[in-house]
């Protein structure tokens, strides 16, 4: 199930008036909960729980250990560029990435920007909540891997940082 299908499911649940919907597939679970009108502001929550035992493949083990560290070193992308010395800032959630705090402002970071641990590098909108994504390393942005206003997946690489 991709991000568009999840977004369509959320819209459908919101329009239907249901208070809770659970969907379980082979490799994940999604629970969507909404509050009743009058009790609190309406909110929709999505919980994505990967099911590890459904995928007992040997190559999956290294990929499953990678999410434990939000900024693991990037793998070499090709024969020309050696990106193994860079640290990858990855998306901790699914949603829509925005590189600017608002449409009329400058981006949080650009290629060449020096950042410190804790600096905001972008925001990700999920369920109409804007989540600031902070850098877990200090260094210089060497590559921006996503476009502004684009959907991102959990653990998707967003930026490459040179920590030296």
N, C-alpha and C. Protein backbone atom coordinates (compact mmCIF):
# COMPACT_ATOMS: atom_id res chain seq x y z
N UNK A 1 0.86 -1.18 0.00
CA UNK A 1 0.00 0.00 0.00
C UNK A 1 0.90 1.23 0.00
N UNK A 2 0.67 2.13 -0.95
CA UNK A 2 1.51 3.32 -1.04
C UNK A 2 0.84 4.51 -0.35
N UNK A 3 1.54 5.63 -0.31
CA UNK A 3 1.09 6.81 0.42
C UNK A 3 -0.24 7.34 -0.12
N UNK A 4 -0.44 7.29 -1.44
CA UNK A 4 -1.69 7.80 -2.02
C UNK A 4 -2.88 6.94 -1.59
N UNK A 5 -2.70 5.63 -1.54
CA UNK A 5 -3.78 4.75 -1.10
C UNK A 5 -4.12 5.01 0.36
N UNK A 6 -3.10 5.25 1.19
CA UNK A 6 -3.33 5.55 2.60
C UNK A 6 -4.07 6.88 2.74
N UNK A 7 -3.65 7.89 1.98
CA UNK A 7 -4.33 9.19 2.03
C UNK A 7 -5.78 9.07 1.59
N UNK A 8 -6.06 8.29 0.53
CA UNK A 8 -7.44 8.09 0.09
C UNK A 8 -8.26 7.37 1.15
N UNK A 9 -7.65 6.40 1.83
CA UNK A 9 -8.35 5.69 2.89
C UNK A 9 -8.69 6.64 4.04
N UNK A 10 -7.78 7.52 4.39
CA UNK A 10 -8.03 8.50 5.46
C UNK A 10 -9.18 9.42 5.08
N UNK A 11 -9.18 9.91 3.84
CA UNK A 11 -10.27 10.78 3.38
C UNK A 11 -11.60 10.06 3.42
N UNK A 12 -11.61 8.80 2.99
CA UNK A 12 -12.83 8.02 2.99
C UNK A 12 -13.38 7.83 4.40
N UNK A 13 -12.48 7.51 5.35
CA UNK A 13 -12.89 7.30 6.74
C UNK A 13 -13.43 8.61 7.32
N UNK A 14 -12.77 9.73 7.02
CA UNK A 14 -13.22 11.03 7.53
C UNK A 14 -14.61 11.37 7.02
N UNK A 15 -14.88 11.10 5.75
CA UNK A 15 -16.20 11.40 5.17
C UNK A 15 -17.27 10.44 5.65
N UNK A 16 -16.89 9.20 5.98
CA UNK A 16 -17.88 8.19 6.35
C UNK A 16 -18.44 8.40 7.74
N UNK A 17 -17.72 9.12 8.59
CA UNK A 17 -18.19 9.34 9.95
C UNK A 17 -17.80 8.24 10.91
N UNK A 18 -17.06 7.24 10.46
CA UNK A 18 -16.61 6.16 11.35
C UNK A 18 -15.62 6.73 12.37
N UNK A 19 -15.60 6.16 13.55
CA UNK A 19 -14.69 6.64 14.59
C UNK A 19 -13.38 5.86 14.62
N UNK A 20 -13.40 4.63 14.12
CA UNK A 20 -12.17 3.84 14.11
C UNK A 20 -12.23 2.79 13.02
N UNK A 21 -11.13 2.66 12.27
CA UNK A 21 -11.02 1.64 11.23
C UNK A 21 -9.66 0.99 11.37
N UNK A 22 -9.63 -0.34 11.34
CA UNK A 22 -8.37 -1.08 11.39
C UNK A 22 -8.24 -1.88 10.10
N UNK A 23 -7.05 -1.85 9.51
CA UNK A 23 -6.76 -2.60 8.30
C UNK A 23 -5.47 -3.36 8.53
N UNK A 24 -5.52 -4.67 8.35
CA UNK A 24 -4.33 -5.50 8.52
C UNK A 24 -4.04 -6.22 7.22
N UNK A 25 -2.80 -6.04 6.74
CA UNK A 25 -2.34 -6.72 5.54
C UNK A 25 -1.22 -7.67 5.97
N UNK A 26 -0.60 -8.34 5.01
CA UNK A 26 0.46 -9.28 5.34
C UNK A 26 1.65 -8.62 6.03
N UNK A 27 2.03 -7.42 5.57
CA UNK A 27 3.26 -6.82 6.07
C UNK A 27 3.06 -5.56 6.91
N UNK A 28 1.82 -5.12 7.16
CA UNK A 28 1.61 -3.95 8.00
C UNK A 28 0.19 -3.88 8.52
N UNK A 29 0.00 -3.02 9.53
CA UNK A 29 -1.31 -2.73 10.10
C UNK A 29 -1.51 -1.22 10.06
N UNK A 30 -2.73 -0.80 9.79
CA UNK A 30 -3.06 0.62 9.85
C UNK A 30 -4.31 0.75 10.71
N UNK A 31 -4.26 1.67 11.67
CA UNK A 31 -5.42 2.00 12.49
C UNK A 31 -5.69 3.48 12.31
N UNK A 32 -6.92 3.81 11.93
CA UNK A 32 -7.31 5.21 11.75
C UNK A 32 -8.40 5.49 12.77
N UNK A 33 -8.16 6.50 13.61
CA UNK A 33 -9.13 6.88 14.65
C UNK A 33 -9.49 8.35 14.47
N UNK A 34 -10.76 8.67 14.62
CA UNK A 34 -11.20 10.06 14.59
C UNK A 34 -12.01 10.32 15.85
N UNK A 35 -11.97 11.57 16.32
CA UNK A 35 -12.75 11.93 17.51
C UNK A 35 -14.13 12.40 17.07
N UNK A 36 -15.09 12.32 17.94
CA UNK A 36 -16.46 12.74 17.64
C UNK A 36 -16.54 14.26 17.69
N UNK A 37 -17.40 14.84 16.84
CA UNK A 37 -17.58 16.29 16.84
C UNK A 37 -18.18 16.72 18.17
N UNK A 38 -17.71 17.86 18.66
CA UNK A 38 -18.21 18.38 19.93
C UNK A 38 -17.36 17.95 21.10
N UNK A 39 -16.70 16.79 21.03
CA UNK A 39 -15.90 16.34 22.17
C UNK A 39 -14.50 16.96 22.15
N UNK A 40 -13.96 17.16 20.97
CA UNK A 40 -12.62 17.74 20.81
C UNK A 40 -12.45 18.10 19.34
N UNK A 41 -11.43 18.87 19.01
CA UNK A 41 -11.19 19.13 17.60
C UNK A 41 -10.98 17.82 16.85
N UNK A 42 -11.54 17.74 15.63
CA UNK A 42 -11.45 16.51 14.88
C UNK A 42 -10.00 16.23 14.49
N UNK A 43 -9.57 15.00 14.68
CA UNK A 43 -8.21 14.60 14.34
C UNK A 43 -8.24 13.19 13.81
N UNK A 44 -7.33 12.87 12.93
CA UNK A 44 -7.21 11.53 12.39
C UNK A 44 -5.80 11.05 12.69
N UNK A 45 -5.68 9.83 13.15
CA UNK A 45 -4.38 9.28 13.50
C UNK A 45 -4.14 8.03 12.68
N UNK A 46 -2.93 7.86 12.19
CA UNK A 46 -2.56 6.66 11.45
C UNK A 46 -1.38 6.03 12.16
N UNK A 47 -1.49 4.75 12.39
CA UNK A 47 -0.40 4.03 13.03
C UNK A 47 0.06 2.96 12.06
N UNK A 48 1.31 3.02 11.66
CA UNK A 48 1.87 2.05 10.74
C UNK A 48 2.82 1.15 11.52
N UNK A 49 2.47 -0.13 11.63
CA UNK A 49 3.27 -1.08 12.40
C UNK A 49 3.80 -2.14 11.46
N UNK A 50 5.10 -2.11 11.13
CA UNK A 50 5.65 -3.17 10.29
C UNK A 50 5.59 -4.52 11.02
N UNK A 51 5.24 -5.55 10.30
CA UNK A 51 5.16 -6.88 10.87
C UNK A 51 6.39 -7.64 10.42
N UNK A 52 7.35 -7.83 11.31
CA UNK A 52 8.65 -8.42 10.95
C UNK A 52 8.54 -9.91 10.62
N UNK A 53 7.71 -10.66 11.34
CA UNK A 53 7.66 -12.10 11.14
C UNK A 53 7.03 -12.48 9.81
N UNK A 54 6.37 -11.56 9.11
CA UNK A 54 5.76 -11.88 7.82
C UNK A 54 6.79 -11.91 6.70
N UNK A 55 8.01 -11.42 6.95
CA UNK A 55 9.03 -11.35 5.91
C UNK A 55 10.33 -11.97 6.40
N UNK A 56 10.43 -13.31 6.46
CA UNK A 56 11.63 -13.95 6.99
C UNK A 56 12.75 -14.10 5.97
N UNK A 57 12.95 -13.12 5.09
CA UNK A 57 14.00 -13.21 4.09
C UNK A 57 15.32 -12.75 4.68
N UNK A 58 16.40 -13.36 4.27
CA UNK A 58 17.72 -13.00 4.78
C UNK A 58 18.12 -11.57 4.44
N UNK A 59 17.87 -11.05 3.22
CA UNK A 59 18.27 -9.68 2.92
C UNK A 59 17.48 -8.64 3.72
N UNK A 60 16.33 -9.00 4.26
CA UNK A 60 15.51 -8.04 5.00
C UNK A 60 16.12 -7.70 6.36
N UNK A 61 16.94 -8.56 6.91
CA UNK A 61 17.51 -8.31 8.24
C UNK A 61 18.34 -7.04 8.31
N UNK A 62 19.26 -6.76 7.37
CA UNK A 62 20.00 -5.49 7.45
C UNK A 62 19.08 -4.28 7.27
N UNK A 63 18.08 -4.38 6.43
CA UNK A 63 17.17 -3.26 6.22
C UNK A 63 16.36 -2.98 7.48
N UNK A 64 16.01 -4.03 8.23
CA UNK A 64 15.24 -3.82 9.45
C UNK A 64 16.08 -3.21 10.55
N UNK A 65 17.39 -3.45 10.54
CA UNK A 65 18.24 -2.86 11.57
C UNK A 65 18.52 -1.39 11.27
N UNK A 66 18.39 -0.96 10.03
CA UNK A 66 18.66 0.43 9.65
C UNK A 66 17.73 1.44 10.31
N UNK A 67 16.38 1.20 10.45
CA UNK A 67 15.53 2.20 11.07
C UNK A 67 15.86 2.49 12.53
N UNK A 68 16.64 1.63 13.19
CA UNK A 68 16.98 1.88 14.58
C UNK A 68 17.84 3.13 14.73
N UNK A 69 18.61 3.47 13.71
CA UNK A 69 19.41 4.69 13.73
C UNK A 69 18.88 5.65 12.68
N UNK A 70 18.27 6.76 13.07
CA UNK A 70 17.66 7.67 12.10
C UNK A 70 18.63 8.25 11.09
N UNK A 71 19.90 8.38 11.44
CA UNK A 71 20.84 8.94 10.47
C UNK A 71 22.03 8.00 10.31
N UNK A 72 21.82 6.93 9.56
CA UNK A 72 22.89 5.97 9.31
C UNK A 72 23.69 6.44 8.10
N UNK A 73 24.96 6.02 7.99
CA UNK A 73 25.75 6.41 6.83
C UNK A 73 25.09 5.93 5.54
N UNK A 74 25.18 6.75 4.51
CA UNK A 74 24.55 6.42 3.24
C UNK A 74 25.39 5.38 2.51
N UNK A 75 24.72 4.55 1.74
CA UNK A 75 25.41 3.56 0.91
C UNK A 75 25.89 4.25 -0.35
N UNK A 76 26.95 3.76 -0.96
CA UNK A 76 27.42 4.38 -2.19
C UNK A 76 26.33 4.36 -3.25
N UNK A 77 26.06 5.51 -3.87
CA UNK A 77 24.98 5.63 -4.84
C UNK A 77 25.40 5.17 -6.23
N UNK A 78 26.64 5.32 -6.55
CA UNK A 78 27.10 4.92 -7.88
C UNK A 78 28.60 4.81 -7.91
N UNK A 79 29.13 4.49 -9.08
CA UNK A 79 30.56 4.34 -9.21
C UNK A 79 31.30 5.66 -9.18
N UNK A 80 30.67 6.76 -9.59
CA UNK A 80 31.35 8.05 -9.69
C UNK A 80 31.48 8.75 -8.34
N UNK A 81 30.41 8.84 -7.57
CA UNK A 81 30.41 9.57 -6.30
C UNK A 81 30.60 8.61 -5.14
N UNK A 82 31.51 8.96 -4.24
CA UNK A 82 31.69 8.16 -3.04
C UNK A 82 30.91 8.83 -1.92
N UNK A 83 29.69 8.37 -1.67
CA UNK A 83 28.83 8.98 -0.66
C UNK A 83 28.92 8.25 0.67
N UNK A 84 29.82 7.28 0.79
CA UNK A 84 29.91 6.52 2.03
C UNK A 84 30.40 7.38 3.21
N UNK A 85 31.05 8.50 2.92
CA UNK A 85 31.53 9.36 4.00
C UNK A 85 30.43 10.30 4.50
N UNK A 86 29.29 10.34 3.83
CA UNK A 86 28.20 11.22 4.22
C UNK A 86 27.19 10.52 5.13
N UNK A 87 26.49 11.33 5.90
CA UNK A 87 25.44 10.82 6.78
C UNK A 87 24.10 11.18 6.13
N UNK A 88 23.16 10.25 6.15
CA UNK A 88 21.85 10.47 5.55
C UNK A 88 20.85 10.87 6.62
N UNK A 89 20.15 11.96 6.39
CA UNK A 89 19.02 12.32 7.25
C UNK A 89 17.80 11.69 6.60
N UNK A 90 17.09 10.84 7.35
CA UNK A 90 15.95 10.10 6.81
C UNK A 90 14.65 10.57 7.44
N UNK A 91 13.57 10.30 6.74
CA UNK A 91 12.24 10.68 7.23
C UNK A 91 11.81 9.75 8.36
N UNK A 92 11.43 10.31 9.51
CA UNK A 92 10.96 9.47 10.60
C UNK A 92 9.49 9.10 10.48
N UNK A 93 8.76 9.73 9.55
CA UNK A 93 7.33 9.49 9.38
C UNK A 93 6.95 9.58 7.90
N UNK A 94 5.73 9.15 7.58
CA UNK A 94 5.21 9.35 6.24
C UNK A 94 4.42 10.65 6.22
N UNK A 95 4.40 11.31 5.08
CA UNK A 95 3.65 12.54 4.96
C UNK A 95 4.13 13.34 3.76
N UNK A 96 3.86 14.63 3.78
CA UNK A 96 4.28 15.53 2.71
C UNK A 96 5.40 16.42 3.24
N UNK A 97 6.53 16.41 2.55
CA UNK A 97 7.70 17.18 2.98
C UNK A 97 7.63 18.59 2.42
N UNK A 98 7.92 19.55 3.29
CA UNK A 98 8.04 20.94 2.89
C UNK A 98 9.43 21.43 3.30
N UNK A 99 10.16 22.01 2.35
CA UNK A 99 11.51 22.50 2.63
C UNK A 99 11.50 23.91 3.19
N UNK A 100 10.33 24.60 3.16
CA UNK A 100 10.21 25.98 3.64
C UNK A 100 9.22 26.04 4.79
N UNK A 101 9.41 26.98 5.73
CA UNK A 101 8.45 27.13 6.83
C UNK A 101 7.09 27.65 6.34
N UNK A 102 7.08 28.40 5.23
CA UNK A 102 5.85 28.85 4.59
C UNK A 102 6.19 29.16 3.13
N UNK A 103 5.17 29.22 2.26
CA UNK A 103 5.45 29.40 0.83
C UNK A 103 6.26 30.66 0.48
N UNK A 104 6.15 31.71 1.28
CA UNK A 104 6.85 32.95 0.97
C UNK A 104 8.20 33.08 1.67
N UNK A 105 8.63 32.07 2.37
CA UNK A 105 9.92 32.09 3.10
C UNK A 105 10.98 31.30 2.34
N UNK A 106 12.22 31.49 2.74
CA UNK A 106 13.35 30.74 2.16
C UNK A 106 13.37 29.32 2.74
N UNK A 107 13.96 28.37 2.00
CA UNK A 107 14.07 27.00 2.52
C UNK A 107 14.87 26.95 3.82
N UNK A 108 14.57 25.95 4.65
CA UNK A 108 15.32 25.75 5.89
C UNK A 108 16.80 25.57 5.59
N UNK A 109 17.11 24.69 4.62
CA UNK A 109 18.50 24.42 4.25
C UNK A 109 18.62 24.28 2.74
N UNK A 110 19.80 24.58 2.23
CA UNK A 110 20.14 24.41 0.82
C UNK A 110 21.47 23.65 0.77
N UNK A 111 21.87 23.23 -0.41
CA UNK A 111 23.18 22.61 -0.57
C UNK A 111 24.23 23.64 -0.16
N UNK A 112 25.15 23.24 0.71
CA UNK A 112 26.19 24.14 1.20
C UNK A 112 25.88 24.75 2.56
N UNK A 113 24.64 24.59 3.05
CA UNK A 113 24.27 25.14 4.35
C UNK A 113 24.95 24.34 5.46
N UNK A 114 25.58 25.05 6.41
CA UNK A 114 26.15 24.39 7.59
C UNK A 114 25.06 24.24 8.63
N UNK A 115 24.94 23.03 9.17
CA UNK A 115 23.91 22.77 10.18
C UNK A 115 24.54 22.22 11.44
N UNK A 116 23.84 22.40 12.54
CA UNK A 116 24.25 21.85 13.83
C UNK A 116 23.22 20.84 14.28
N UNK A 117 23.61 19.99 15.20
CA UNK A 117 22.68 19.01 15.74
C UNK A 117 21.50 19.77 16.35
N UNK A 118 20.28 19.37 15.97
CA UNK A 118 19.07 20.01 16.48
C UNK A 118 18.49 21.08 15.57
N UNK A 119 19.20 21.46 14.50
CA UNK A 119 18.67 22.44 13.55
C UNK A 119 17.54 21.81 12.74
N UNK A 120 16.49 22.58 12.47
CA UNK A 120 15.37 22.12 11.66
C UNK A 120 15.81 22.14 10.20
N UNK A 121 15.64 21.00 9.50
CA UNK A 121 16.03 20.92 8.09
C UNK A 121 14.83 20.93 7.15
N UNK A 122 13.64 20.58 7.68
CA UNK A 122 12.41 20.58 6.88
C UNK A 122 11.24 20.32 7.83
N UNK A 123 10.03 20.35 7.29
CA UNK A 123 8.85 19.93 8.04
C UNK A 123 8.12 18.88 7.22
N UNK A 124 7.48 17.94 7.92
CA UNK A 124 6.67 16.93 7.25
C UNK A 124 5.26 17.03 7.80
N UNK A 125 4.33 17.22 6.88
CA UNK A 125 2.92 17.30 7.26
C UNK A 125 2.33 15.90 7.25
N UNK A 126 1.75 15.54 8.37
CA UNK A 126 1.05 14.26 8.49
C UNK A 126 -0.22 14.51 9.29
N UNK A 127 -1.34 14.24 8.72
CA UNK A 127 -2.64 14.44 9.36
C UNK A 127 -2.86 15.90 9.79
N UNK A 128 -2.49 16.80 8.92
CA UNK A 128 -2.64 18.24 9.13
C UNK A 128 -1.82 18.76 10.32
N UNK A 129 -0.84 17.98 10.73
CA UNK A 129 0.12 18.41 11.76
C UNK A 129 1.47 18.55 11.08
N UNK A 130 2.15 19.66 11.36
CA UNK A 130 3.46 19.91 10.77
C UNK A 130 4.53 19.51 11.78
N UNK A 131 5.32 18.52 11.43
CA UNK A 131 6.36 17.99 12.30
C UNK A 131 7.71 18.50 11.84
N UNK A 132 8.41 19.23 12.72
CA UNK A 132 9.74 19.72 12.38
C UNK A 132 10.73 18.56 12.43
N UNK A 133 11.52 18.43 11.38
CA UNK A 133 12.53 17.38 11.31
C UNK A 133 13.87 18.03 11.62
N UNK A 134 14.49 17.58 12.71
CA UNK A 134 15.74 18.17 13.17
C UNK A 134 16.91 17.26 12.79
N UNK A 135 18.04 17.88 12.53
CA UNK A 135 19.25 17.14 12.21
C UNK A 135 19.79 16.49 13.48
N UNK A 136 20.27 15.27 13.32
CA UNK A 136 20.89 14.57 14.45
C UNK A 136 22.42 14.62 14.35
N UNK A 137 22.92 15.35 13.33
CA UNK A 137 24.36 15.50 13.15
C UNK A 137 24.68 16.94 12.80
N UNK A 138 25.92 17.32 13.03
CA UNK A 138 26.41 18.62 12.59
C UNK A 138 27.21 18.42 11.33
N UNK A 139 27.19 19.39 10.44
CA UNK A 139 27.95 19.28 9.21
C UNK A 139 27.43 20.22 8.15
N UNK A 140 27.65 19.84 6.90
CA UNK A 140 27.25 20.67 5.77
C UNK A 140 26.36 19.84 4.83
N UNK A 141 25.24 20.42 4.39
CA UNK A 141 24.35 19.75 3.45
C UNK A 141 25.07 19.66 2.10
N UNK A 142 25.22 18.41 1.59
CA UNK A 142 25.88 18.23 0.31
C UNK A 142 24.89 17.85 -0.79
N UNK A 143 23.72 17.33 -0.41
CA UNK A 143 22.73 16.97 -1.42
C UNK A 143 21.35 16.96 -0.80
N UNK A 144 20.38 17.52 -1.55
CA UNK A 144 18.97 17.47 -1.18
C UNK A 144 18.35 16.39 -2.04
N UNK A 145 17.75 15.37 -1.41
CA UNK A 145 17.28 14.19 -2.14
C UNK A 145 15.79 14.21 -2.45
N UNK A 146 15.04 15.21 -1.97
CA UNK A 146 13.59 15.28 -2.21
C UNK A 146 13.21 16.69 -2.64
N UNK A 147 12.13 16.78 -3.39
CA UNK A 147 11.60 18.06 -3.83
C UNK A 147 10.64 18.61 -2.79
N UNK A 148 10.45 19.92 -2.83
CA UNK A 148 9.49 20.57 -1.94
C UNK A 148 8.08 20.10 -2.28
N UNK A 149 7.25 19.94 -1.27
CA UNK A 149 5.84 19.54 -1.41
C UNK A 149 5.67 18.14 -1.99
N UNK A 150 6.63 17.26 -1.75
CA UNK A 150 6.52 15.90 -2.28
C UNK A 150 6.22 14.91 -1.15
N UNK A 151 5.48 13.84 -1.46
CA UNK A 151 5.21 12.82 -0.44
C UNK A 151 6.49 12.04 -0.12
N UNK A 152 6.65 11.69 1.17
CA UNK A 152 7.80 10.90 1.59
C UNK A 152 7.32 9.70 2.39
N UNK A 153 8.09 8.65 2.35
CA UNK A 153 7.81 7.42 3.08
C UNK A 153 8.64 7.38 4.36
N UNK A 154 8.29 6.49 5.27
CA UNK A 154 9.08 6.27 6.47
C UNK A 154 10.47 5.79 6.06
N UNK A 155 11.50 6.35 6.67
CA UNK A 155 12.90 5.96 6.47
C UNK A 155 13.43 6.32 5.07
N UNK A 156 12.74 7.19 4.35
CA UNK A 156 13.22 7.63 3.04
C UNK A 156 14.33 8.66 3.23
N UNK A 157 15.46 8.50 2.50
CA UNK A 157 16.54 9.48 2.60
C UNK A 157 16.07 10.88 2.14
N UNK A 158 16.41 11.91 2.92
CA UNK A 158 16.00 13.27 2.60
C UNK A 158 17.19 14.16 2.23
N UNK A 159 18.27 14.06 3.02
CA UNK A 159 19.44 14.91 2.81
C UNK A 159 20.71 14.10 3.04
N UNK A 160 21.78 14.49 2.34
CA UNK A 160 23.12 13.95 2.65
C UNK A 160 23.91 15.04 3.32
N UNK A 161 24.56 14.69 4.44
CA UNK A 161 25.33 15.65 5.24
C UNK A 161 26.77 15.19 5.33
N UNK A 162 27.70 16.13 5.08
CA UNK A 162 29.12 15.86 5.27
C UNK A 162 29.45 16.25 6.71
N UNK A 163 29.70 15.26 7.59
CA UNK A 163 29.92 15.58 9.00
C UNK A 163 31.30 16.16 9.30
N UNK A 164 32.21 16.18 8.33
CA UNK A 164 33.58 16.65 8.61
C UNK A 164 33.69 18.16 8.66
